[in-house]
Amino acid sequence: MVRAVEAPATTLILLQAIKISGDASNEFLRTHNEQRRTVNEVALVWNVTLASYAQQYAEAQRDLHGCALEHSNGPYGENLFWSGSPSAPPAAAVEDWVAEKEFYDFESNTCVQGHECGHYTQVVWRDTLRLGCASVVCNDDMGTFIICSYDPPGNFIGQRPF
């Protein structure tokens, strides 16, 4: 005999958090892979180790450094984003990084002088296969800090992204 058991509220909250996290991971992955398709690169796969690393770093930046845009200097490639909105969607970060595409000069394999393009080249880097990202609301509830970690990392001097 099977009995219906009502789930405790904490279980429902946990399940909702997993669903929200899954939605966010899908959005991060989808927006990255849309850009990679435009340069005929293989799709990235979501990696829980990278996502965990990103989550721990995002929480540390929020709790210890006020969401400062400082790189972790860890073992992975990395893109950081900050929004003044406490509800910035994952796609906003990826779109911001990809906006640098116009400043990447394929012929010289450099960024246009005075502009950044390394966030874009990391998104489409040919050797990168795995992705993990995290997003946290800053302690002042006035912003969102987002980090994506990439493995293997990209942006090696002298190498082309695609």
Foldseek 3Di string as FASTA:
>chain_A
DDDDDDDDPVVVVVVVVVVVVVVQVVLLQVLLQVLLVVVPADGAAEDVVQQVVQAVVQVCCQVPPQLDPDDPPDQWAKDKDKDQAQDDGSNVRSVVLLVQVVQQDQVVRDGNPPGDNVSNLQSNQRVWHYKHKDKHQHPVNRMIMIMMTTPPTDDDPPDHRD
